[in-house]
Amino acid sequence: MPARTSSDMLLLAHRGCHADVPENTLAAFEAAVKLKIDGIETDVRLSVDGDLVLLHERVTPQGRPVAELVRAELEKVFSHDVPVLTDALDAFPDLLWNIEIKDPAAAEATIEVLERYQGSRRLLVTSFRHDVVIRCAERLAVDCGLLLAHRPLDVAMIIAGCTRYPRIACLVWDYNAVDNEILGAVTAAGWRNYVYGVMTFAEWRHCASLGIAGVIMDDPTLVVRAAGI
């Protein structure tokens, strides 16, 4: 297969490349950079002392809510450095950053940080909390997207509900929820489709055949090796 080019579907590393290092860490992001991945998806939560920590988990393995712990406690619990949002944006300014806001409590602080970076970074802000995405679209001059883990009965209604917010112009789907019909309806409305949960090179090729703007993979090395990048 010919090498992937910049004109192809974007490839994002889900929480960085974390086969050999912890996810959502600077080491995982650096591993993605070394593979020349287009971008990184990372998760933002708010610690009890107001840090925007990059953690996917809502609770620790011991059952403590992340929101009730300070960053130093989180690093002890998870046994690795826990970066904050500015750490990642400062360390890797050339990447596309897909910032997923996991907790509405983190929205305001995230918006305030991204206001400082929006002119110098490529940013896509997403959330399963669509009200949070609307808040971001009202305040930020960055791309915003709605996360969906299901196939809605009427995707046109979702798109119509965002007509007041031109910054919201993409849907980020679970791979299991997509098909030609639903993706075509989104594209026809002038929106872009991203897909997460892509697990194999065959699924990546399937997404490419569907005209998807970008895929978010836990193991993007599958594509790097197979496509000969």
C-alpha atoms as a PDB file:
ATOM      1  CA  MET A   1       0.000   0.000   0.000  1.00  0.00           C
ATOM      2  CA  PRO A   2       1.357   3.485  -0.799  1.00  0.00           C
ATOM      3  CA  ALA A   3       2.447   5.685   2.056  1.00  0.00           C
ATOM      4  CA  ARG A   4      -0.163   7.868   3.697  1.00  0.00           C
ATOM      5  CA  THR A   5       0.052  11.530   2.672  1.00  0.00           C
ATOM      6  CA  SER A   6      -1.083  14.784   4.237  1.00  0.00           C
ATOM      7  CA  SER A   7      -4.126  14.803   1.971  1.00  0.00           C
ATOM      8  CA  ASP A   8      -5.412  11.534   3.434  1.00  0.00           C
ATOM      9  CA  MET A   9      -7.727  10.915   6.351  1.00  0.00           C
ATOM     10  CA  LEU A  10      -6.209  12.263   9.572  1.00  0.00           C
ATOM     11  CA  LEU A  11      -4.802   9.777  12.061  1.00  0.00           C
ATOM     12  CA  LEU A  12      -5.068  10.669  15.753  1.00  0.00           C
ATOM     13  CA  ALA A  13      -3.570   8.711  18.633  1.00  0.00           C
ATOM     14  CA  HIS A  14      -6.185   7.966  21.294  1.00  0.00           C
ATOM     15  CA  ARG A  15      -4.568   9.236  24.522  1.00  0.00           C
ATOM     16  CA  GLY A  16      -1.208   9.133  22.756  1.00  0.00           C
ATOM     17  CA  CYS A  17       0.745   6.024  21.761  1.00  0.00           C
ATOM     18  CA  HIS A  18       0.668   4.014  24.954  1.00  0.00           C
ATOM     19  CA  ALA A  19       1.773   0.488  24.136  1.00  0.00           C
ATOM     20  CA  ASP A  20       4.933   0.931  26.239  1.00  0.00           C
ATOM     21  CA  VAL A  21       4.139   3.961  28.404  1.00  0.00           C
ATOM     22  CA  PRO A  22       1.073   5.148  30.355  1.00  0.00           C
ATOM     23  CA  GLU A  23      -1.708   6.765  28.341  1.00  0.00           C
ATOM     24  CA  ASN A  24      -2.372  10.500  28.463  1.00  0.00           C
ATOM     25  CA  THR A  25       1.225  11.259  29.459  1.00  0.00           C
ATOM     26  CA  LEU A  26       3.895  13.371  27.828  1.00  0.00           C
ATOM     27  CA  ALA A  27       5.764  10.158  27.068  1.00  0.00           C
ATOM     28  CA  ALA A  28       2.733   8.792  25.196  1.00  0.00           C
ATOM     29  CA  PHE A  29       2.410  12.042  23.267  1.00  0.00           C
ATOM     30  CA  GLU A  30       6.112  12.024  22.416  1.00  0.00           C
ATOM     31  CA  ALA A  31       5.755   8.457  21.107  1.00  0.00           C
ATOM     32  CA  ALA A  32       2.991   9.660  18.787  1.00  0.00           C
ATOM     33  CA  VAL A  33       5.166  12.509  17.541  1.00  0.00           C
ATOM     34  CA  LYS A  34       7.973  10.090  16.714  1.00  0.00           C
ATOM     35  CA  LEU A  35       5.535   8.101  14.569  1.00  0.00           C
ATOM     36  CA  LYS A  36       4.500  11.301  12.746  1.00  0.00           C
ATOM     37  CA  ILE A  37       0.882  10.942  13.830  1.00  0.00           C
ATOM     38  CA  ASP A  38      -1.313  13.889  12.781  1.00  0.00           C
ATOM     39  CA  GLY A  39      -2.764  14.534  16.200  1.00  0.00           C
ATOM     40  CA  ILE A  40      -3.682  13.342  19.652  1.00  0.00           C
ATOM     41  CA  GLU A  41      -6.943  12.879  21.492  1.00  0.00           C
ATOM     42  CA  THR A  42      -6.649  13.515  25.208  1.00  0.00           C
ATOM     43  CA  ASP A  43      -9.068  13.735  28.132  1.00  0.00           C
ATOM     44  CA  VAL A  44      -9.454  16.669  30.508  1.00  0.00           C
ATOM     45  CA  ARG A  45     -10.745  16.514  34.061  1.00  0.00           C
ATOM     46  CA  LEU A  46     -10.575  18.941  36.974  1.00  0.00           C
ATOM     47  CA  SER A  47      -8.713  17.999  40.144  1.00  0.00           C
ATOM     48  CA  VAL A  48      -9.973  19.211  43.506  1.00  0.00           C
ATOM     49  CA  ASP A  49      -7.390  22.026  43.537  1.00  0.00           C
ATOM     50  CA  GLY A  50      -8.305  23.242  40.041  1.00  0.00           C
ATOM     51  CA  ASP A  51      -5.706  21.560  37.821  1.00  0.00           C
ATOM     52  CA  LEU A  52      -6.835  20.472  34.349  1.00  0.00           C
ATOM     53  CA  VAL A  53      -5.415  16.973  34.574  1.00  0.00           C
ATOM     54  CA  LEU A  54      -5.206  14.686  31.545  1.00  0.00           C
ATOM     55  CA  LEU A  55      -6.950  11.555  32.784  1.00  0.00           C
ATOM     56  CA  HIS A  56      -9.633   9.386  31.236  1.00  0.00           C
ATOM     57  CA  GLU A  57     -10.758   7.722  34.455  1.00  0.00           C
ATOM     58  CA  ARG A  58     -13.541   9.260  36.523  1.00  0.00           C
ATOM     59  CA  VAL A  59     -12.485   7.321  39.617  1.00  0.00           C
ATOM     60  CA  THR A  60      -9.205   5.814  40.767  1.00  0.00           C
ATOM     61  CA  PRO A  61      -8.666   2.045  41.019  1.00  0.00           C
ATOM     62  CA  GLN A  62      -9.394   2.454  44.727  1.00  0.00           C
ATOM     63  CA  GLY A  63     -12.770   4.036  43.995  1.00  0.00           C
ATOM     64  CA  ARG A  64     -11.876   7.649  44.837  1.00  0.00           C
ATOM     65  CA  PRO A  65     -13.281  10.281  42.455  1.00  0.00           C
ATOM     66  CA  VAL A  66     -10.528  12.053  40.529  1.00  0.00           C
ATOM     67  CA  ALA A  67     -12.341  15.320  41.255  1.00  0.00           C
ATOM     68  CA  GLU A  68     -11.682  14.828  45.004  1.00  0.00           C
ATOM     69  CA  LEU A  69      -7.901  14.487  44.709  1.00  0.00           C
ATOM     70  CA  VAL A  70      -5.026  16.881  44.054  1.00  0.00           C
ATOM     71  CA  ARG A  71      -2.602  16.238  41.222  1.00  0.00           C
ATOM     72  CA  ALA A  72       0.153  14.880  43.499  1.00  0.00           C
ATOM     73  CA  GLU A  73      -2.284  12.346  44.941  1.00  0.00           C
ATOM     74  CA  LEU A  74      -3.369  11.308  41.454  1.00  0.00           C
ATOM     75  CA  GLU A  75       0.233  10.744  40.421  1.00  0.00           C
ATOM     76  CA  LYS A  76       0.773   8.543  43.457  1.00  0.00           C
ATOM     77  CA  VAL A  77      -2.409   6.558  42.805  1.00  0.00           C
ATOM     78  CA  PHE A  78      -1.754   6.031  39.081  1.00  0.00           C
ATOM     79  CA  SER A  79       2.016   5.580  39.543  1.00  0.00           C
ATOM     80  CA  HIS A  80       3.010   7.978  36.771  1.00  0.00           C
ATOM     81  CA  ASP A  81       3.283  11.680  36.058  1.00  0.00           C
ATOM     82  CA  VAL A  82      -0.099  13.257  35.372  1.00  0.00           C
ATOM     83  CA  PRO A  83       0.286  16.222  33.007  1.00  0.00           C
ATOM     84  CA  VAL A  84      -2.017  19.194  32.903  1.00  0.00           C
ATOM     85  CA  LEU A  85      -3.444  20.601  29.696  1.00  0.00           C
ATOM     86  CA  THR A  86      -0.897  23.398  29.349  1.00  0.00           C
ATOM     87  CA  ASP A  87       1.955  20.879  29.671  1.00  0.00           C
ATOM     88  CA  ALA A  88       0.778  19.079  26.543  1.00  0.00           C
ATOM     89  CA  LEU A  89      -0.017  22.191  24.524  1.00  0.00           C
ATOM     90  CA  ASP A  90       3.357  23.744  25.361  1.00  0.00           C
ATOM     91  CA  ALA A  91       5.381  20.593  24.671  1.00  0.00           C
ATOM     92  CA  PHE A  92       3.831  19.719  21.301  1.00  0.00           C
ATOM     93  CA  PRO A  93       2.674  22.910  19.563  1.00  0.00           C
ATOM     94  CA  ASP A  94       2.573  21.473  16.045  1.00  0.00           C
ATOM     95  CA  LEU A  95       0.046  18.690  16.634  1.00  0.00           C
ATOM     96  CA  LEU A  96      -3.683  18.715  16.126  1.00  0.00           C
ATOM     97  CA  TRP A  97      -5.104  18.454  19.645  1.00  0.00           C
ATOM     98  CA  ASN A  98      -8.513  16.852  20.150  1.00  0.00           C
ATOM     99  CA  ILE A  99      -9.423  17.945  23.668  1.00  0.00           C
ATOM    100  CA  GLU A 100     -12.242  15.870  25.108  1.00  0.00           C
ATOM    101  CA  ILE A 101     -13.854  17.495  28.127  1.00  0.00           C
ATOM    102  CA  LYS A 102     -14.886  14.574  30.306  1.00  0.00           C
ATOM    103  CA  ASP A 103     -16.519  16.524  33.128  1.00  0.00           C
ATOM    104  CA  PRO A 104     -18.681  19.655  32.812  1.00  0.00           C
ATOM    105  CA  ALA A 105     -16.926  20.980  35.906  1.00  0.00           C
ATOM    106  CA  ALA A 106     -13.769  21.272  33.801  1.00  0.00           C
ATOM    107  CA  ALA A 107     -15.426  23.290  31.030  1.00  0.00           C
ATOM    108  CA  GLU A 108     -14.834  26.827  32.280  1.00  0.00           C
ATOM    109  CA  ALA A 109     -11.190  26.283  33.176  1.00  0.00           C
ATOM    110  CA  THR A 110     -10.590  24.516  29.851  1.00  0.00           C
ATOM    111  CA  ILE A 111     -12.154  27.382  27.921  1.00  0.00           C
ATOM    112  CA  GLU A 112      -9.956  29.885  29.760  1.00  0.00           C
ATOM    113  CA  VAL A 113      -6.821  27.931  28.877  1.00  0.00           C
ATOM    114  CA  LEU A 114      -7.801  27.413  25.242  1.00  0.00           C
ATOM    115  CA  GLU A 115      -8.567  31.104  24.843  1.00  0.00           C
ATOM    116  CA  ARG A 116      -4.825  31.662  25.322  1.00  0.00           C
ATOM    117  CA  TYR A 117      -3.818  28.969  22.820  1.00  0.00           C
ATOM    118  CA  GLN A 118      -6.490  29.196  20.147  1.00  0.00           C
ATOM    119  CA  GLY A 119      -4.458  31.480  17.917  1.00  0.00           C
ATOM    120  CA  SER A 120      -1.362  29.296  17.944  1.00  0.00           C
ATOM    121  CA  ARG A 121      -2.608  25.681  18.121  1.00  0.00           C
ATOM    122  CA  ARG A 122      -4.793  23.442  15.997  1.00  0.00           C
ATOM    123  CA  LEU A 123      -7.633  22.479  18.295  1.00  0.00           C
ATOM    124  CA  LEU A 124     -10.749  20.347  18.177  1.00  0.00           C
ATOM    125  CA  VAL A 125     -12.844  20.401  21.339  1.00  0.00           C
ATOM    126  CA  THR A 126     -15.307  17.551  21.883  1.00  0.00           C
ATOM    127  CA  SER A 127     -17.516  16.092  24.581  1.00  0.00           C
ATOM    128  CA  PHE A 128     -20.345  13.646  25.117  1.00  0.00           C
ATOM    129  CA  ARG A 129     -21.927  16.551  26.993  1.00  0.00           C
ATOM    130  CA  HIS A 130     -23.253  18.514  24.055  1.00  0.00           C
ATOM    131  CA  ASP A 131     -24.189  21.435  26.291  1.00  0.00           C
ATOM    132  CA  VAL A 132     -20.487  21.736  27.114  1.00  0.00           C
ATOM    133  CA  VAL A 133     -19.624  21.766  23.412  1.00  0.00           C
ATOM    134  CA  ILE A 134     -22.093  24.611  22.902  1.00  0.00           C
ATOM    135  CA  ARG A 135     -20.427  26.595  25.694  1.00  0.00           C
ATOM    136  CA  CYS A 136     -17.083  26.115  23.982  1.00  0.00           C
ATOM    137  CA  ALA A 137     -18.487  27.090  20.586  1.00  0.00           C
ATOM    138  CA  GLU A 138     -19.878  30.305  22.074  1.00  0.00           C
ATOM    139  CA  ARG A 139     -16.579  31.327  23.625  1.00  0.00           C
ATOM    140  CA  LEU A 140     -13.797  29.886  21.477  1.00  0.00           C
ATOM    141  CA  ALA A 141     -12.626  30.398  17.897  1.00  0.00           C
ATOM    142  CA  VAL A 142     -11.797  26.700  17.460  1.00  0.00           C
ATOM    143  CA  ASP A 143     -13.415  23.675  15.851  1.00  0.00           C
ATOM    144  CA  CYS A 144     -15.919  21.894  18.067  1.00  0.00           C
ATOM    145  CA  GLY A 145     -17.511  18.466  17.710  1.00  0.00           C
ATOM    146  CA  LEU A 146     -20.226  16.349  19.280  1.00  0.00           C
ATOM    147  CA  LEU A 147     -19.293  12.887  20.510  1.00  0.00           C
ATOM    148  CA  LEU A 148     -21.808  10.141  19.797  1.00  0.00           C
ATOM    149  CA  ALA A 149     -21.720   6.530  20.968  1.00  0.00           C
ATOM    150  CA  HIS A 150     -24.965   5.610  19.188  1.00  0.00           C
ATOM    151  CA  ARG A 151     -26.646   5.979  15.828  1.00  0.00           C
ATOM    152  CA  PRO A 152     -29.406   8.593  16.284  1.00  0.00           C
ATOM    153  CA  LEU A 153     -32.785   8.132  14.639  1.00  0.00           C
ATOM    154  CA  ASP A 154     -32.570  11.661  13.205  1.00  0.00           C
ATOM    155  CA  VAL A 155     -29.084  13.077  12.764  1.00  0.00           C
ATOM    156  CA  ALA A 156     -30.529  16.027  10.853  1.00  0.00           C
ATOM    157  CA  MET A 157     -32.221  17.151  14.067  1.00  0.00           C
ATOM    158  CA  ILE A 158     -28.885  17.161  15.878  1.00  0.00           C
ATOM    159  CA  ILE A 159     -27.279  19.225  13.138  1.00  0.00           C
ATOM    160  CA  ALA A 160     -30.245  21.601  12.954  1.00  0.00           C
ATOM    161  CA  GLY A 161     -29.958  22.181  16.696  1.00  0.00           C
ATOM    162  CA  CYS A 162     -26.483  23.615  16.176  1.00  0.00           C
ATOM    163  CA  THR A 163     -27.214  26.104  13.389  1.00  0.00           C
ATOM    164  CA  ARG A 164     -26.618  28.990  15.792  1.00  0.00           C
ATOM    165  CA  TYR A 165     -23.115  27.674  16.513  1.00  0.00           C
ATOM    166  CA  PRO A 166     -21.035  27.572  13.313  1.00  0.00           C
ATOM    167  CA  ARG A 167     -17.980  26.380  15.242  1.00  0.00           C
ATOM    168  CA  ILE A 168     -19.778  23.061  15.782  1.00  0.00           C
ATOM    169  CA  ALA A 169     -19.335  21.322  12.446  1.00  0.00           C
ATOM    170  CA  CYS A 170     -18.323  17.721  13.094  1.00  0.00           C
ATOM    171  CA  LEU A 171     -19.582  14.540  14.695  1.00  0.00           C
ATOM    172  CA  VAL A 172     -17.220  12.095  16.387  1.00  0.00           C
ATOM    173  CA  TRP A 173     -18.693   8.614  16.195  1.00  0.00           C
ATOM    174  CA  ASP A 174     -18.090   5.247  17.782  1.00  0.00           C
ATOM    175  CA  TYR A 175     -16.986   2.966  14.934  1.00  0.00           C
ATOM    176  CA  ASN A 176     -19.869   0.572  15.643  1.00  0.00           C
ATOM    177  CA  ALA A 177     -22.442   3.315  15.050  1.00  0.00           C
ATOM    178  CA  VAL A 178     -21.515   4.395  11.534  1.00  0.00           C
ATOM    179  CA  ASP A 179     -22.718   3.395   8.099  1.00  0.00           C
ATOM    180  CA  ASN A 180     -22.829   4.981   4.652  1.00  0.00           C
ATOM    181  CA  GLU A 181     -26.290   6.447   5.129  1.00  0.00           C
ATOM    182  CA  ILE A 182     -25.614   8.304   8.368  1.00  0.00           C
ATOM    183  CA  LEU A 183     -22.188   9.519   7.285  1.00  0.00           C
ATOM    184  CA  GLY A 184     -23.588  10.721   3.962  1.00  0.00           C
ATOM    185  CA  ALA A 185     -26.277  12.728   5.737  1.00  0.00           C
ATOM    186  CA  VAL A 186     -23.652  14.464   7.853  1.00  0.00           C
ATOM    187  CA  THR A 187     -21.426  15.215   4.867  1.00  0.00           C
ATOM    188  CA  ALA A 188     -24.378  16.524   2.862  1.00  0.00           C
ATOM    189  CA  ALA A 189     -25.044  19.008   5.657  1.00  0.00           C
ATOM    190  CA  GLY A 190     -21.491  20.330   5.313  1.00  0.00           C
ATOM    191  CA  TRP A 191     -20.219  18.710   8.509  1.00  0.00           C
ATOM    192  CA  ARG A 192     -17.214  16.389   8.934  1.00  0.00           C
ATOM    193  CA  ASN A 193     -17.138  12.906  10.418  1.00  0.00           C
ATOM    194  CA  TYR A 194     -14.494  11.560  12.784  1.00  0.00           C
ATOM    195  CA  VAL A 195     -14.533   8.019  14.150  1.00  0.00           C
ATOM    196  CA  TYR A 196     -13.058   6.604  17.355  1.00  0.00           C
ATOM    197  CA  GLY A 197     -12.739   2.988  18.426  1.00  0.00           C
ATOM    198  CA  VAL A 198     -11.025   1.908  15.200  1.00  0.00           C
ATOM    199  CA  MET A 199      -9.133  -1.235  16.212  1.00  0.00           C
ATOM    200  CA  THR A 200      -7.552  -2.741  13.084  1.00  0.00           C
ATOM    201  CA  PHE A 201      -5.900  -1.709   9.834  1.00  0.00           C
ATOM    202  CA  ALA A 202      -8.881  -3.163   7.958  1.00  0.00           C
ATOM    203  CA  GLU A 203     -11.226  -0.890   9.929  1.00  0.00           C
ATOM    204  CA  TRP A 204      -8.955   2.070   9.162  1.00  0.00           C
ATOM    205  CA  ARG A 205      -9.166   1.266   5.436  1.00  0.00           C
ATOM    206  CA  HIS A 206     -12.944   0.950   5.742  1.00  0.00           C
ATOM    207  CA  CYS A 207     -13.122   4.416   7.279  1.00  0.00           C
ATOM    208  CA  ALA A 208     -10.927   5.794   4.494  1.00  0.00           C
ATOM    209  CA  SER A 209     -13.313   4.360   1.910  1.00  0.00           C
ATOM    210  CA  LEU A 210     -16.196   6.187   3.591  1.00  0.00           C
ATOM    211  CA  GLY A 211     -14.612   9.624   3.238  1.00  0.00           C
ATOM    212  CA  ILE A 212     -14.178  10.151   6.971  1.00  0.00           C
ATOM    213  CA  ALA A 213     -12.127  13.188   7.975  1.00  0.00           C
ATOM    214  CA  GLY A 214     -10.152  11.445  10.689  1.00  0.00           C
ATOM    215  CA  VAL A 215      -9.869   8.339  12.844  1.00  0.00           C
ATOM    216  CA  ILE A 216      -8.841   8.089  16.494  1.00  0.00           C
ATOM    217  CA  MET A 217      -6.985   4.856  17.273  1.00  0.00           C
ATOM    218  CA  ASP A 218      -5.615   3.264  20.430  1.00  0.00           C
ATOM    219  CA  ASP A 219      -2.853   1.641  18.384  1.00  0.00           C
ATOM    220  CA  PRO A 220      -2.015   3.850  15.391  1.00  0.00           C
ATOM    221  CA  THR A 221       1.168   1.843  14.860  1.00  0.00           C
ATOM    222  CA  LEU A 222      -1.047  -0.651  13.000  1.00  0.00           C
ATOM    223  CA  VAL A 223      -1.541   1.966  10.302  1.00  0.00           C
ATOM    224  CA  VAL A 224       2.031   3.231  10.416  1.00  0.00           C
ATOM    225  CA  ARG A 225       3.416  -0.252   9.808  1.00  0.00           C
ATOM    226  CA  ALA A 226       0.879  -1.363   7.212  1.00  0.00           C
ATOM    227  CA  ALA A 227       0.798   1.894   5.245  1.00  0.00           C
ATOM    228  CA  GLY A 228       4.571   2.200   5.225  1.00  0.00           C
ATOM    229  CA  ILE A 229       4.738   5.687   6.642  1.00  0.00           C
END
